[in-house]
Protein backbone atom coordinates (compact mmCIF):
# COMPACT_ATOMS: atom_id res chain seq x y z
CA MET A 1 -74.93 -184.57 24.31
CA PRO A 2 -76.31 -184.20 20.75
CA ASP A 3 -79.75 -185.72 20.08
CA THR A 4 -78.14 -188.30 17.79
CA PRO A 5 -74.45 -188.47 18.70
CA THR A 6 -72.05 -189.99 16.20
CA LEU A 7 -69.62 -192.58 17.54
CA VAL A 8 -66.69 -193.69 15.42
CA LEU A 9 -65.12 -197.09 16.12
CA VAL A 10 -61.60 -197.25 14.65
CA TYR A 11 -60.20 -200.66 13.70
CA PHE A 12 -57.81 -202.29 11.25
CA ASP A 13 -57.29 -205.80 9.90
CA ALA A 14 -53.83 -206.56 11.30
CA GLY A 15 -55.05 -209.70 13.02
CA GLY A 16 -58.75 -210.43 13.11
CA GLY A 17 -59.51 -209.27 16.63
CA HIS A 18 -59.76 -205.52 16.04
CA ARG A 19 -62.44 -205.67 13.35
CA SER A 20 -64.29 -208.40 15.25
CA ALA A 21 -64.34 -206.32 18.44
CA ALA A 22 -65.54 -203.21 16.59
CA MET A 23 -68.33 -205.11 14.85
CA ALA A 24 -69.39 -206.82 18.08
CA LEU A 25 -69.57 -203.51 19.92
CA GLN A 26 -71.51 -201.89 17.08
CA SER A 27 -73.94 -204.81 17.06
CA VAL A 28 -74.65 -204.56 20.79
CA ILE A 29 -75.01 -200.75 20.73
CA ASN A 30 -77.51 -200.99 17.87
CA ALA A 31 -79.42 -203.80 19.59
CA GLN A 32 -79.73 -201.65 22.73
CA GLU A 33 -81.35 -198.88 20.66
CA ARG A 34 -79.35 -196.11 22.31
CA GLY A 35 -80.05 -193.70 19.48
CA TRP A 36 -76.42 -193.33 18.46
CA ASN A 37 -75.06 -193.24 14.94
CA VAL A 38 -72.22 -195.78 15.08
CA ARG A 39 -69.70 -195.66 12.23
CA LEU A 40 -66.82 -198.09 11.68
CA VAL A 41 -63.60 -196.67 10.23
CA ASN A 42 -60.72 -198.79 8.93
CA LEU A 43 -57.60 -196.82 9.92
CA GLN A 44 -55.53 -198.56 7.24
CA GLU A 45 -57.77 -197.10 4.55
CA VAL A 46 -57.51 -193.58 5.97
CA LEU A 47 -53.69 -193.79 6.19
CA ASP A 48 -53.17 -195.82 3.02
CA SER A 49 -51.27 -193.05 1.24
CA LEU A 50 -48.67 -193.09 4.05
CA ASP A 51 -48.14 -196.86 4.16
CA VAL A 52 -44.37 -196.96 3.57
CA PHE A 53 -44.43 -200.76 3.70
CA ARG A 54 -46.88 -200.86 0.76
CA LYS A 55 -44.72 -198.41 -1.17
CA ILE A 56 -41.68 -200.66 -0.77
CA THR A 57 -43.25 -204.11 -1.06
CA GLY A 58 -46.58 -203.47 -2.77
CA ILE A 59 -48.30 -205.06 0.26
CA ARG A 60 -50.20 -203.24 3.00
CA LEU A 61 -48.72 -203.25 6.50
CA GLU A 62 -51.74 -205.14 7.87
CA ASP A 63 -51.40 -207.76 5.10
CA ILE A 64 -47.70 -208.19 5.92
CA TYR A 65 -48.65 -208.72 9.57
CA ASN A 66 -51.25 -211.33 8.68
CA LEU A 67 -48.80 -213.12 6.37
CA VAL A 68 -46.26 -213.26 9.20
CA LEU A 69 -48.88 -214.85 11.46
CA ALA A 70 -49.98 -217.36 8.83
CA LYS A 71 -46.42 -218.48 8.08
CA GLY A 72 -45.32 -218.48 11.72
CA TRP A 73 -42.51 -215.99 11.02
CA THR A 74 -42.78 -214.46 14.50
CA LEU A 75 -39.34 -215.30 15.89
CA GLY A 76 -37.68 -212.04 16.88
CA SER A 77 -40.92 -210.05 16.71
CA ALA A 78 -40.00 -208.32 19.98
CA TYR A 79 -37.03 -206.75 18.18
CA LEU A 80 -39.02 -205.80 15.08
CA LEU A 81 -41.65 -203.90 17.05
CA PRO A 82 -39.33 -200.97 17.97
CA LEU A 83 -38.35 -200.72 14.29
CA MET A 84 -42.00 -200.47 13.32
CA HIS A 85 -42.54 -197.83 16.00
CA GLY A 86 -39.58 -195.94 14.56
CA VAL A 87 -41.21 -195.86 11.12
CA ILE A 88 -44.53 -194.77 12.69
CA GLN A 89 -42.70 -192.00 14.57
CA VAL A 90 -41.08 -190.69 11.36
CA TYR A 91 -44.48 -190.48 9.68
CA HIS A 92 -46.29 -189.20 12.79
CA PRO A 93 -46.68 -185.55 11.63
CA ALA A 94 -48.06 -186.71 8.29
CA GLN A 95 -50.44 -189.11 10.05
CA VAL A 96 -51.76 -186.33 12.28
CA LYS A 97 -52.26 -184.04 9.27
CA LEU A 98 -54.10 -186.70 7.28
CA LEU A 99 -56.30 -187.70 10.21
CA THR A 100 -57.06 -184.07 11.05
CA GLY A 101 -58.41 -183.61 7.54
CA TYR A 102 -60.45 -186.79 7.90
CA TRP A 103 -62.13 -185.61 11.14
CA GLN A 104 -62.85 -182.20 9.64
CA THR A 105 -64.66 -183.85 6.75
CA ASN A 106 -66.19 -186.66 8.83
CA PRO A 107 -66.95 -185.22 12.28
CA ALA A 108 -67.80 -187.32 15.32
CA ASP A 109 -68.94 -186.74 18.90
CA LEU A 110 -66.87 -189.58 20.31
CA VAL A 111 -63.98 -191.52 18.79
CA VAL A 112 -63.16 -195.00 20.07
CA SER A 113 -59.91 -196.70 19.07
CA LEU A 114 -59.67 -200.48 19.05
CA VAL A 115 -56.15 -200.43 17.59
CA PRO A 116 -52.64 -200.15 19.07
CA ASN A 117 -49.62 -198.13 17.86
CA PHE A 118 -51.52 -195.14 16.43
CA ASN A 119 -53.33 -193.73 19.47
CA ARG A 120 -51.06 -190.68 19.78
CA ALA A 121 -51.77 -189.66 16.18
CA LEU A 122 -55.48 -190.33 16.61
CA PHE A 123 -55.65 -188.24 19.78
CA GLN A 124 -53.63 -185.31 18.46
CA SER A 125 -55.58 -185.16 15.20
CA LEU A 126 -58.87 -185.21 17.08
CA GLN A 127 -57.65 -182.41 19.35
CA ARG A 128 -56.90 -180.28 16.30
CA ALA A 129 -60.08 -180.98 14.37
CA LEU A 130 -62.69 -181.70 17.06
CA PRO A 131 -61.31 -180.60 20.45
CA LYS A 132 -64.62 -181.21 22.24
CA ALA A 133 -64.88 -184.85 21.09
CA PRO A 134 -63.58 -187.31 23.74
CA PHE A 135 -61.12 -189.99 22.70
CA VAL A 136 -61.31 -193.54 24.10
CA THR A 137 -58.98 -196.49 23.62
CA ILE A 138 -60.36 -199.97 24.27
CA LEU A 139 -57.55 -202.49 24.72
CA THR A 140 -58.20 -205.69 22.78
CA ASP A 141 -55.16 -207.21 24.51
CA LEU A 142 -55.18 -208.36 28.12
CA ALA A 143 -52.34 -205.93 28.89
CA ASP A 144 -50.27 -203.21 27.28
CA TYR A 145 -46.81 -203.82 25.83
CA PRO A 146 -45.12 -200.45 26.49
CA PRO A 147 -43.93 -198.10 25.29
CA HIS A 148 -46.28 -196.63 22.66
CA PHE A 149 -48.28 -199.76 22.04
CA TRP A 150 -51.76 -199.22 23.50
CA MET A 151 -51.29 -196.50 26.11
CA GLU A 152 -49.94 -192.99 25.61
CA GLU A 153 -49.44 -190.23 28.18
CA GLN A 154 -52.31 -188.02 27.02
CA PRO A 155 -55.65 -186.87 28.53
CA GLN A 156 -57.95 -189.52 27.11
CA TYR A 157 -60.04 -192.45 28.38
CA LEU A 158 -58.98 -196.10 28.60
CA VAL A 159 -61.09 -199.26 28.81
CA CYS A 160 -59.11 -202.18 30.25
CA GLY A 161 -60.07 -205.84 30.54
CA THR A 162 -57.69 -206.88 33.32
CA GLU A 163 -56.30 -205.48 36.55
CA ARG A 164 -52.82 -205.68 35.03
CA ALA A 165 -53.83 -203.21 32.31
CA MET A 166 -55.43 -200.94 34.91
CA GLN A 167 -52.19 -200.91 36.92
CA GLN A 168 -50.21 -200.06 33.79
CA ALA A 169 -52.52 -197.12 33.11
CA ARG A 170 -52.21 -195.83 36.66
CA SER A 171 -48.43 -196.03 36.43
CA LEU A 172 -48.62 -193.66 33.42
CA GLY A 173 -50.55 -191.16 35.52
CA TYR A 174 -54.10 -191.83 34.36
CA GLU A 175 -56.72 -190.61 36.83
CA GLU A 176 -59.37 -193.08 37.97
CA SER A 177 -62.06 -190.94 36.33
CA ARG A 178 -60.51 -191.74 32.94
CA LEU A 179 -60.26 -195.49 33.52
CA PHE A 180 -62.97 -198.09 33.00
CA ARG A 181 -62.55 -201.75 33.95
CA THR A 182 -64.42 -204.48 32.11
CA SER A 183 -64.67 -208.13 33.06
CA GLY A 184 -62.65 -209.26 30.03
CA MET A 185 -62.20 -208.86 26.28
CA ILE A 186 -64.92 -207.95 23.80
CA LEU A 187 -66.57 -211.06 22.35
CA ARG A 188 -69.20 -211.41 19.65
CA PRO A 189 -72.77 -211.59 21.04
CA GLU A 190 -73.04 -215.13 19.62
CA PHE A 191 -70.86 -216.33 22.49
CA TYR A 192 -73.64 -215.30 24.89
CA THR A 193 -76.83 -215.86 22.92
CA ARG A 194 -76.20 -219.19 21.18
CA PRO A 195 -78.95 -221.67 22.10
CA ALA A 196 -78.10 -225.00 23.67
CA CYS A 197 -77.64 -227.90 21.28
CA ASP A 198 -77.81 -231.67 21.46
CA ARG A 199 -74.06 -232.13 21.85
CA ALA A 200 -74.14 -235.89 21.34
CA GLN A 201 -76.12 -235.66 18.11
CA GLU A 202 -73.93 -232.85 16.76
CA LEU A 203 -70.76 -234.87 17.42
CA ILE A 204 -72.26 -237.89 15.69
CA LYS A 205 -72.99 -235.68 12.64
CA LEU A 206 -69.26 -234.93 12.49
CA GLY A 207 -68.38 -238.62 12.69
CA LEU A 208 -67.17 -238.30 16.28
CA ASP A 209 -67.95 -240.23 19.46
CA PRO A 210 -70.04 -238.40 22.11
CA ALA A 211 -68.44 -240.52 24.85
CA LEU A 212 -64.87 -239.30 24.20
CA PRO A 213 -63.17 -236.09 25.39
CA THR A 214 -63.03 -233.64 22.49
CA GLY A 215 -60.31 -231.09 21.84
CA LEU A 216 -60.75 -228.03 19.59
CA VAL A 217 -57.56 -227.01 17.76
CA LEU A 218 -57.71 -223.45 16.40
CA PHE A 219 -54.93 -221.05 15.37
CA GLY A 220 -56.79 -218.03 14.06
CA GLY A 221 -58.24 -217.25 10.67
CA GLU A 222 -55.10 -218.27 8.77
CA GLY A 223 -54.42 -221.52 10.62
CA SER A 224 -50.89 -222.71 11.40
CA ASN A 225 -48.69 -225.58 10.26
CA VAL A 226 -48.10 -226.46 13.91
CA MET A 227 -51.55 -228.04 13.71
CA LEU A 228 -50.01 -230.84 11.63
CA ALA A 229 -47.64 -231.72 14.46
CA ILE A 230 -50.49 -231.60 16.97
CA ALA A 231 -52.52 -233.93 14.75
CA GLU A 232 -49.60 -236.34 14.60
CA ARG A 233 -48.99 -236.35 18.37
CA LEU A 234 -52.58 -236.43 19.60
CA GLY A 235 -54.15 -238.18 16.62
CA ASN A 236 -51.86 -241.16 17.17
CA SER A 237 -51.69 -240.92 20.94
CA SER A 238 -52.70 -243.80 23.19
CA LEU A 239 -55.00 -241.34 24.97
CA GLU A 240 -58.69 -241.93 24.31
CA LEU A 241 -59.81 -238.65 22.74
CA GLN A 242 -60.84 -236.96 19.50
CA LEU A 243 -60.10 -233.61 17.87
CA ILE A 244 -61.78 -230.87 15.85
CA PHE A 245 -59.36 -228.88 13.70
CA ILE A 246 -60.40 -225.48 12.32
CA CYS A 247 -57.97 -224.36 9.62
CA GLY A 248 -59.42 -220.98 8.69
CA ARG A 249 -58.57 -219.78 5.18
CA ASN A 250 -55.58 -222.13 4.90
CA GLU A 251 -56.93 -224.57 2.30
CA GLN A 252 -53.59 -226.35 1.90
CA LEU A 253 -53.52 -227.10 5.63
CA ARG A 254 -57.11 -228.31 5.52
CA GLU A 255 -56.35 -230.69 2.66
CA ARG A 256 -53.26 -232.08 4.39
CA LEU A 257 -55.15 -232.71 7.62
CA THR A 258 -58.11 -234.24 5.78
CA ARG A 259 -55.83 -236.76 4.05
CA ARG A 260 -54.13 -237.75 7.31
CA THR A 261 -54.89 -241.15 8.82
CA THR A 262 -54.77 -241.24 12.63
CA ARG A 263 -55.60 -243.65 15.43
CA ASN A 264 -57.92 -241.15 17.11
CA LYS A 265 -60.78 -239.59 15.18
CA ILE A 266 -60.39 -236.07 13.84
CA PHE A 267 -62.82 -233.72 12.11
CA VAL A 268 -61.37 -231.00 9.88
CA GLU A 269 -63.12 -227.70 9.10
CA GLY A 270 -61.97 -224.75 7.00
CA PHE A 271 -63.01 -221.14 7.45
CA THR A 272 -66.20 -220.86 9.49
CA LYS A 273 -68.19 -218.32 11.46
CA GLN A 274 -69.53 -221.10 13.67
CA ILE A 275 -66.73 -221.02 16.26
CA PRO A 276 -69.22 -220.82 19.18
CA HIS A 277 -70.94 -223.96 17.87
CA TYR A 278 -67.72 -225.95 17.64
CA MET A 279 -66.70 -224.75 21.10
CA GLN A 280 -70.01 -226.06 22.43
CA LEU A 281 -68.95 -229.51 21.24
CA ALA A 282 -65.46 -229.42 22.78
CA ASP A 283 -64.04 -230.10 26.23
CA PHE A 284 -60.76 -228.19 25.88
CA PHE A 285 -58.99 -225.78 23.53
CA ILE A 286 -55.52 -225.91 21.92
CA GLY A 287 -54.18 -222.85 20.12
CA LYS A 288 -52.09 -219.72 20.24
CA PRO A 289 -52.33 -217.35 23.23
CA GLY A 290 -54.21 -214.65 21.33
CA PRO A 291 -56.51 -212.59 23.57
CA GLY A 292 -59.56 -213.21 21.40
CA SER A 293 -59.29 -216.96 20.97
CA ILE A 294 -58.46 -217.74 24.59
CA SER A 295 -61.21 -215.39 25.81
CA GLU A 296 -63.71 -217.11 23.51
CA ALA A 297 -62.63 -220.51 24.78
CA VAL A 298 -62.86 -219.45 28.41
CA GLN A 299 -66.31 -217.95 27.80
CA MET A 300 -67.38 -221.37 26.54
CA LYS A 301 -65.87 -223.00 29.69
CA LEU A 302 -62.97 -224.61 27.84
CA PRO A 303 -59.60 -224.98 29.56
CA VAL A 304 -56.86 -223.81 27.21
CA ILE A 305 -53.51 -225.26 26.20
CA VAL A 306 -51.10 -222.77 24.60
CA GLU A 307 -47.37 -222.32 24.16
CA ARG A 308 -45.17 -219.39 25.19
CA ASN A 309 -41.69 -219.07 23.71
CA ALA A 310 -39.52 -216.88 21.48
CA TRP A 311 -42.05 -217.21 18.64
CA THR A 312 -44.89 -215.83 20.78
CA LEU A 313 -45.83 -212.26 19.86
CA PRO A 314 -44.56 -209.94 22.61
CA GLN A 315 -47.97 -208.37 23.24
CA GLU A 316 -49.42 -211.86 23.80
CA ARG A 317 -46.87 -213.14 26.31
CA TYR A 318 -48.73 -211.79 29.32
CA ASN A 319 -51.73 -213.85 28.21
CA ALA A 320 -49.82 -216.99 29.17
CA ASP A 321 -49.18 -215.55 32.65
CA TRP A 322 -52.89 -214.74 32.92
CA ILE A 323 -53.80 -218.35 32.12
CA ARG A 324 -51.44 -219.63 34.80
CA GLU A 325 -52.60 -217.07 37.38
CA LEU A 326 -56.26 -218.02 36.94
CA GLY A 327 -55.62 -221.76 36.72
CA ILE A 328 -57.63 -222.15 33.52
CA GLY A 329 -55.16 -224.09 31.40
CA PHE A 330 -51.62 -225.18 30.61
CA VAL A 331 -48.79 -223.10 29.17
CA LEU A 332 -46.17 -225.13 27.31
CA GLU A 333 -42.68 -224.23 26.22
CA ASN A 334 -43.66 -225.77 22.88
CA PHE A 335 -46.30 -228.13 21.57
CA ARG A 336 -43.99 -231.14 21.75
CA GLY A 337 -45.40 -231.42 25.27
CA VAL A 338 -49.04 -231.31 24.18
CA GLU A 339 -49.71 -235.03 24.75
CA LYS A 340 -48.59 -234.85 28.40
CA ALA A 341 -50.59 -231.64 28.92
CA VAL A 342 -53.76 -233.27 27.60
CA SER A 343 -53.09 -236.37 29.70
CA ASP A 344 -52.70 -234.21 32.81
CA LEU A 345 -55.85 -232.25 31.94
CA LEU A 346 -57.92 -235.40 31.59
CA SER A 347 -56.64 -237.01 34.79
CA GLY A 348 -58.40 -236.75 38.13
CA ASP A 349 -60.71 -233.77 38.52
CA ARG A 350 -58.54 -231.24 36.65
CA LEU A 351 -60.88 -230.82 33.69
CA PRO A 352 -64.05 -230.05 35.71
CA ALA A 353 -62.07 -227.85 38.11
CA MET A 354 -60.64 -225.76 35.27
CA LYS A 355 -64.04 -225.57 33.60
CA ALA A 356 -65.52 -224.23 36.85
CA ARG A 357 -62.79 -221.57 37.16
CA ALA A 358 -63.37 -220.52 33.55
CA ASP A 359 -67.12 -220.30 34.12
CA ALA A 360 -66.62 -218.12 37.20
CA LEU A 361 -64.91 -215.36 35.18
CA ASN A 362 -68.25 -214.33 33.62
CA ASN A 363 -66.89 -211.96 30.98
CA ARG A 364 -69.59 -209.43 29.95
CA ALA A 365 -67.31 -206.77 28.44
CA VAL A 366 -69.25 -206.14 25.21
CA TYR A 367 -72.35 -205.30 27.30
CA GLU A 368 -70.44 -203.30 29.91
CA ILE A 369 -68.81 -200.89 27.46
CA PRO A 370 -71.88 -199.04 26.02
CA PRO A 371 -72.83 -197.59 29.46
CA PHE A 372 -69.18 -196.46 29.85
CA LEU A 373 -69.39 -194.66 26.51
CA GLU A 374 -72.68 -193.06 27.51
CA ARG A 375 -71.05 -191.70 30.68
CA ILE A 376 -68.16 -190.28 28.63
CA LEU A 377 -70.55 -188.70 26.13
CA GLY A 378 -72.45 -187.12 28.99
CA GLY A 379 -69.32 -185.64 30.52
CA ASN A 380 -68.53 -188.67 32.73
């Protein structure tokens, strides 16, 4: 191992989880003072000249993806994914050539991918330019969505956050020596290090009642118009509860929710980096079944309520099964059933039981991964 090895963490901004995971991992590695030079690389920027979607529409592929999420245009996404893979396959030789040049100019001792879809090109380019540098893929989804999503049949290393992902890797022929199992998804250190707060006082500051069950409604950094329907159903429900809505960058949604008059109290927030704080104040979580958001909620001991249907992204559908298997929430066909789900959650001992199951998971992935990388750097 070099005296000061260089680690490259590859991410992109198609969805917020890849950048967030890369930055969280970099933060923990630096805090541990391992003596590594950790560099973050945005794959979109490296491959920008090959972005056929930008050439046609003037918009980057990752920006198109984020727009689709923000508008809720995800119906039929399972059929669009093979088309996207087809475009990636056509441009694969050019991607490998461009990435090979990048590694030759910007060498590394270990390359870690936190992105799907491009791991074959990343691996092949690294083999050409830096054949001694190991290649690692860290899944930021709970499971793979084969073929050619996260896992490729190539001699590399995989870091998986669930037993389902481990089984998928074994079925592709991965040897145990190339597999590393974490206790969950990568989360920002703030989800572990945030000090306790006076929950009652913090709720009062928001104009809420400390004595009432509190739901946190969050649909990623771009929000979702489905939050309006949830506000209507739960805000005017006969259930005794209150809600915190986090709208992300969707200012129009924030304004519409702020103007809404409801029977039950609601607090509306826009874009914020204080998600751990708001989760400290909540009793349960309502949102989409994204791996990051549900893992954050579970880390904060919040049972989750999500929907799984034709609009759910295909790579996120297993997440709903995972929630059911672990008994840490409710999976709805659609949010028209959210009032009954909340009623069931708040009845009997369901809420404390689900909180206890969430607490028992004890996800420490962001701290488990640096020792894995050290083993790989040292020849495993």
